[in-house]
Amino acid sequence: MFLKLNFIDRLKLPFRKDRELYASFREILGFYPRRLRYYKLALQHKSMSTHVHKGSDHNERLEYLGDAVLESIVSDFLYHRYKDRREGFLTNTRSKLVQRDTLNKLARDMGLEQLINSNSHSNSHNRYMGGNAFEALIGAIYLDRGYDACMHFLRKRILRFINIDAIAVKEVNFKSKLIEWAQFHHVLLEFKAVEDQHNRMEAPTFTTRILIEGLDGETGKGFSKKESHQNAAKNTLHALRTDKQFVQAIHDAKAKRKEAEEQARQEEIQAESLENIEQDHQEENQEL
């Protein structure tokens, strides 16, 4: 049925508007879009938005939808591929497959990145634009063709060309990634020990909470401080990717801190200036 629809769509191509865009998506997807508006929206970065509060003319809503569909399909794929592996292994492998570095590379390799509509400033400052567009593309496929088409696309065009086994055993330093994110955005970051406990086997467990600009991030547990740091960083990176309000709160807190620092600097300059004036007066009085 899917191939039959694809054949019909190919017959209609010469009579369609945006024939070049249809052909570009055919190269990427392996089939022709039926509702091209979804795919155009998937490529529309919010820097090109004209309706600031509506959220209907850029790809963030499609990104949200695609993220959920992508995670579901990858979970199903891994569940059937690794029949004897535990939940922790499956969860970690899924995280590696859907992390931004992996999705960014997929967007570049597919030629999707070069189709994104964005202003030049955002393009140079948003390292996750390609990965976000990839998730939005999955959301577009879902709305256009349904869940089975998303499954077909990911299995036939994506997952079969990824070395899943190599990714599964690859160690990801989530703490370094979070520190890199904080440095890139010039925000304060703290790994705070919450509690140290012992489980029923008397093995110590550690809990770490992430603080960004004084705001509570996520927590992580582990049988060592290092493991708890990694898990807290991993959970916080996920929150930064999915919780727009959390990210905005961080930037608001950063702005308030910068404002307070600037005010303190001005007060220090003023106090120093007054001290110099007073010292000059004292020297003048001594000369008299």
Protein backbone atom coordinates (compact mmCIF):
# COMPACT_ATOMS: atom_id res chain seq x y z
CA MET A 1 0.00 0.00 0.00
CA PHE A 2 2.82 2.37 0.90
CA LEU A 3 4.60 1.69 -2.44
CA LYS A 4 1.34 2.16 -4.34
CA LEU A 5 0.78 5.57 -2.77
CA ASN A 6 4.39 6.50 -3.55
CA PHE A 7 3.86 5.58 -7.24
CA ILE A 8 0.71 7.73 -7.42
CA ASP A 9 2.51 10.65 -5.80
CA ARG A 10 5.32 10.35 -8.35
CA LEU A 11 2.77 10.58 -11.20
CA LYS A 12 1.39 13.79 -9.68
CA LEU A 13 4.82 15.42 -9.26
CA PRO A 14 5.00 17.30 -12.65
CA PHE A 15 1.73 19.05 -11.81
CA ARG A 16 2.65 20.16 -8.31
CA LYS A 17 4.02 23.47 -7.08
CA ASP A 18 7.39 23.33 -5.30
CA ARG A 19 8.49 20.42 -7.48
CA GLU A 20 12.14 20.88 -6.45
CA LEU A 21 11.25 20.75 -2.77
CA TYR A 22 9.13 17.64 -3.32
CA ALA A 23 12.11 16.05 -5.09
CA SER A 24 14.48 17.04 -2.25
CA PHE A 25 12.23 15.41 0.31
CA ARG A 26 11.94 12.33 -1.91
CA GLU A 27 15.73 12.00 -1.71
CA ILE A 28 15.70 12.36 2.08
CA LEU A 29 12.58 10.38 2.94
CA GLY A 30 12.36 7.74 0.26
CA PHE A 31 8.80 8.85 -0.56
CA TYR A 32 6.98 11.99 -1.68
CA PRO A 33 5.21 14.16 0.92
CA ARG A 34 1.44 14.35 0.57
CA ARG A 35 0.94 17.44 2.75
CA LEU A 36 4.00 19.52 2.02
CA ARG A 37 3.00 22.24 4.53
CA TYR A 38 4.02 20.01 7.44
CA TYR A 39 7.49 19.49 5.99
CA LYS A 40 7.93 23.19 5.23
CA LEU A 41 7.00 23.92 8.84
CA ALA A 42 9.53 21.35 10.04
CA LEU A 43 12.26 23.40 8.33
CA GLN A 44 11.09 26.74 9.72
CA HIS A 45 13.28 27.82 12.64
CA LYS A 46 11.72 30.13 15.20
CA SER A 47 14.19 32.88 14.25
CA MET A 48 12.05 33.31 11.11
CA SER A 49 8.79 33.46 13.09
CA THR A 50 6.44 36.38 12.50
CA HIS A 51 3.95 35.47 15.25
CA VAL A 52 5.94 35.58 18.45
CA HIS A 53 3.28 34.21 20.79
CA LYS A 54 1.33 31.86 18.54
CA GLY A 55 3.96 29.18 17.97
CA SER A 56 2.20 28.16 14.74
CA ASP A 57 4.71 29.34 12.14
CA HIS A 58 7.89 27.59 13.28
CA ASN A 59 8.93 24.02 14.01
CA GLU A 60 8.95 23.78 17.82
CA ARG A 61 5.53 22.11 18.11
CA LEU A 62 6.49 19.58 15.44
CA GLU A 63 9.79 19.05 17.30
CA TYR A 64 7.83 18.22 20.46
CA LEU A 65 5.68 15.72 18.57
CA GLY A 66 8.60 14.18 16.69
CA ASP A 67 10.60 13.75 19.90
CA ALA A 68 7.85 11.56 21.37
CA VAL A 69 7.40 9.50 18.19
CA LEU A 70 11.16 9.08 17.73
CA GLU A 71 11.65 7.89 21.30
CA SER A 72 8.79 5.42 20.97
CA ILE A 73 10.10 3.90 17.72
CA VAL A 74 13.70 3.68 18.95
CA SER A 75 12.45 2.03 22.16
CA ASP A 76 10.56 -0.57 20.12
CA PHE A 77 13.57 -1.15 17.86
CA LEU A 78 15.96 -1.69 20.78
CA TYR A 79 13.48 -3.86 22.69
CA HIS A 80 13.35 -6.35 19.80
CA ARG A 81 17.03 -6.07 18.86
CA TYR A 82 18.41 -6.73 22.36
CA LYS A 83 16.05 -9.39 23.71
CA ASP A 84 18.19 -10.33 26.72
CA ARG A 85 19.41 -6.92 27.88
CA ARG A 86 18.18 -5.12 30.98
CA GLU A 87 16.14 -1.93 31.12
CA GLY A 88 19.14 0.20 32.11
CA PHE A 89 21.09 -0.83 29.00
CA LEU A 90 18.08 -0.17 26.74
CA THR A 91 17.46 3.26 28.30
CA ASN A 92 21.11 4.31 28.03
CA THR A 93 21.37 3.13 24.42
CA ARG A 94 18.18 4.99 23.49
CA SER A 95 19.55 8.15 25.10
CA LYS A 96 22.71 7.89 22.99
CA LEU A 97 20.72 7.35 19.79
CA VAL A 98 18.39 10.33 20.29
CA GLN A 99 20.92 12.73 21.80
CA ARG A 100 21.52 15.97 19.92
CA ASP A 101 25.00 15.09 18.64
CA THR A 102 23.61 11.99 16.90
CA LEU A 103 20.60 13.83 15.46
CA ASN A 104 22.74 16.77 14.32
CA LYS A 105 25.00 14.39 12.40
CA LEU A 106 22.00 12.66 10.82
CA ALA A 107 20.58 16.03 9.72
CA ARG A 108 23.91 16.95 8.09
CA ASP A 109 24.40 13.58 6.42
CA MET A 110 20.84 13.57 5.03
CA GLY A 111 21.12 17.07 3.58
CA LEU A 112 18.33 18.25 5.87
CA GLU A 113 20.42 20.92 7.57
CA GLN A 114 20.93 22.91 4.37
CA LEU A 115 17.15 23.14 3.83
CA ILE A 116 16.44 24.82 7.21
CA ASN A 117 15.06 28.36 7.04
CA SER A 118 16.72 30.52 9.69
CA ASN A 119 18.47 33.84 10.00
CA SER A 120 22.25 33.76 9.83
CA HIS A 121 22.69 34.79 13.49
CA SER A 122 20.66 31.85 14.78
CA ASN A 123 22.34 29.47 12.39
CA SER A 124 25.78 30.29 13.80
CA HIS A 125 24.71 30.26 17.45
CA ASN A 126 22.33 27.27 17.62
CA ARG A 127 24.33 24.07 17.52
CA TYR A 128 21.19 21.95 17.89
CA MET A 129 19.26 23.37 14.95
CA GLY A 130 19.82 20.33 12.75
CA GLY A 131 18.79 17.86 15.45
CA ASN A 132 15.70 19.92 16.26
CA ALA A 133 14.73 19.96 12.58
CA PHE A 134 15.21 16.18 12.40
CA GLU A 135 12.74 15.69 15.25
CA ALA A 136 10.34 18.14 13.59
CA LEU A 137 10.67 16.11 10.38
CA ILE A 138 9.57 12.98 12.26
CA GLY A 139 6.59 14.97 13.54
CA ALA A 140 5.76 16.02 9.97
CA ILE A 141 5.92 12.41 8.71
CA TYR A 142 3.64 11.36 11.56
CA LEU A 143 1.00 13.97 10.70
CA ASP A 144 1.30 13.34 6.97
CA ARG A 145 1.58 9.54 6.80
CA GLY A 146 1.09 8.16 10.30
CA TYR A 147 3.10 6.13 12.79
CA ASP A 148 3.83 3.20 10.45
CA ALA A 149 5.44 5.55 7.91
CA CYS A 150 7.66 6.97 10.67
CA MET A 151 8.64 3.42 11.61
CA HIS A 152 9.36 2.56 7.97
CA PHE A 153 11.44 5.72 7.45
CA LEU A 154 13.55 5.26 10.58
CA ARG A 155 14.14 1.55 10.07
CA LYS A 156 14.90 1.68 6.33
CA ARG A 157 16.57 5.06 5.97
CA ILE A 158 18.22 5.71 9.35
CA LEU A 159 18.69 2.89 11.86
CA ARG A 160 20.03 0.34 9.38
CA PHE A 161 22.97 2.64 8.59
CA ILE A 162 23.91 3.35 12.22
CA ASN A 163 26.34 1.11 14.09
CA ILE A 164 23.97 0.51 17.00
CA ASP A 165 26.29 -1.92 18.78
CA ALA A 166 29.15 0.59 18.78
CA ILE A 167 26.91 3.35 20.09
CA ALA A 168 25.53 1.05 22.79
CA VAL A 169 28.96 0.49 24.37
CA LYS A 170 30.18 4.05 23.84
CA GLU A 171 30.66 6.01 27.04
CA VAL A 172 29.01 9.45 27.01
CA ASN A 173 30.36 12.06 29.41
CA PHE A 174 27.14 13.89 30.26
CA LYS A 175 28.88 16.01 32.90
CA SER A 176 31.32 17.40 30.33
CA LYS A 177 28.43 18.09 27.94
CA LEU A 178 26.54 20.00 30.63
CA ILE A 179 29.65 22.00 31.59
CA GLU A 180 30.18 22.79 27.91
CA TRP A 181 26.55 23.96 27.63
CA ALA A 182 26.93 26.19 30.68
CA GLN A 183 30.16 27.72 29.37
CA PHE A 184 28.62 28.32 25.95
CA HIS A 185 25.67 30.18 27.51
CA HIS A 186 27.82 31.87 30.21
CA VAL A 187 25.68 30.62 33.11
CA LEU A 188 26.67 29.51 36.61
CA LEU A 189 26.65 25.75 37.18
CA GLU A 190 26.95 23.80 40.43
CA PHE A 191 26.93 20.09 41.27
CA LYS A 192 25.47 19.95 44.79
CA ALA A 193 25.60 16.86 47.00
CA VAL A 194 22.10 16.30 48.38
CA GLU A 195 22.50 13.20 50.54
CA ASP A 196 24.69 10.16 51.05
CA GLN A 197 22.89 6.99 52.12
CA HIS A 198 23.40 3.27 52.45
CA ASN A 199 21.09 0.76 50.81
CA ARG A 200 19.98 -2.55 52.32
CA MET A 201 23.27 -4.16 51.27
CA GLU A 202 25.17 -1.39 53.12
CA ALA A 203 26.50 -0.07 49.82
CA PRO A 204 26.78 3.73 49.81
CA THR A 205 24.53 5.65 47.41
CA PHE A 206 25.01 9.29 46.45
CA THR A 207 22.55 11.89 45.22
CA THR A 208 23.54 15.03 43.32
CA ARG A 209 21.38 17.97 42.30
CA ILE A 210 22.30 20.35 39.49
CA LEU A 211 21.95 24.07 40.13
CA ILE A 212 22.02 26.46 37.17
CA GLU A 213 22.03 30.15 38.06
CA GLY A 214 20.79 29.06 41.49
CA LEU A 215 17.76 27.27 40.01
CA ASP A 216 17.11 23.61 40.75
CA GLY A 217 17.89 21.31 37.87
CA GLU A 218 17.49 17.55 37.97
CA THR A 219 18.93 15.05 40.45
CA GLY A 220 20.90 11.87 39.87
CA LYS A 221 21.74 8.88 42.03
CA GLY A 222 24.68 6.50 41.90
CA PHE A 223 26.95 4.21 43.86
CA SER A 224 29.72 6.80 43.55
CA LYS A 225 29.82 10.59 43.41
CA LYS A 226 31.02 10.37 39.82
CA GLU A 227 28.05 8.21 38.81
CA SER A 228 25.59 10.51 40.58
CA HIS A 229 27.15 13.53 38.78
CA GLN A 230 26.78 11.77 35.42
CA ASN A 231 23.16 10.83 36.04
CA ALA A 232 22.24 14.29 37.32
CA ALA A 233 23.89 15.89 34.29
CA LYS A 234 22.15 13.47 31.92
CA ASN A 235 18.72 14.22 33.44
CA THR A 236 19.37 17.97 33.38
CA LEU A 237 20.46 17.90 29.74
CA HIS A 238 17.17 16.19 28.93
CA ALA A 239 15.29 18.91 30.80
CA LEU A 240 17.20 21.62 28.92
CA ARG A 241 16.18 19.98 25.66
CA THR A 242 12.51 19.47 26.48
CA ASP A 243 11.51 22.14 29.03
CA LYS A 244 11.46 25.55 27.34
CA GLN A 245 10.22 27.27 30.52
CA PHE A 246 13.19 25.94 32.49
CA VAL A 247 15.60 27.29 29.88
CA GLN A 248 13.86 30.67 29.88
CA ALA A 249 13.98 30.81 33.69
CA ILE A 250 17.74 30.19 33.53
CA HIS A 251 18.26 33.05 31.09
CA ASP A 252 16.04 35.34 33.22
CA ALA A 253 18.07 34.47 36.33
CA LYS A 254 21.29 35.12 34.43
CA ALA A 255 20.01 38.54 33.34
CA LYS A 256 19.10 39.45 36.93
CA ARG A 257 22.54 38.34 38.14
CA LYS A 258 24.26 40.41 35.46
CA GLU A 259 22.12 43.41 36.37
CA ALA A 260 22.98 43.03 40.06
CA GLU A 261 26.68 42.65 39.23
CA GLU A 262 26.61 45.78 37.08
CA GLN A 263 24.80 47.72 39.80
CA ALA A 264 27.36 46.59 42.40
CA ARG A 265 30.17 47.61 40.02
CA GLN A 266 28.67 51.07 39.52
CA GLU A 267 28.23 51.50 43.28
CA GLU A 268 31.84 50.49 43.82
CA ILE A 269 33.00 53.01 41.20
CA GLN A 270 30.85 55.71 42.80
CA ALA A 271 32.16 54.92 46.28
CA GLU A 272 35.74 54.99 45.01
CA SER A 273 35.08 58.31 43.29
CA LEU A 274 33.66 59.82 46.47
CA GLU A 275 36.64 58.53 48.43
CA ASN A 276 39.02 60.19 45.97
CA ILE A 277 37.12 63.49 46.19
CA GLU A 278 37.22 63.37 49.97
CA GLN A 279 40.94 62.61 49.89
CA ASP A 280 41.53 65.58 47.56
CA HIS A 281 39.65 67.86 49.94
CA GLN A 282 41.75 66.67 52.86
CA GLU A 283 44.96 67.33 50.94
CA GLU A 284 43.74 70.83 49.99
CA ASN A 285 42.90 71.62 53.62
CA GLN A 286 46.33 70.44 54.73
CA GLU A 287 47.98 72.72 52.14
CA LEU A 288 45.96 75.68 53.49
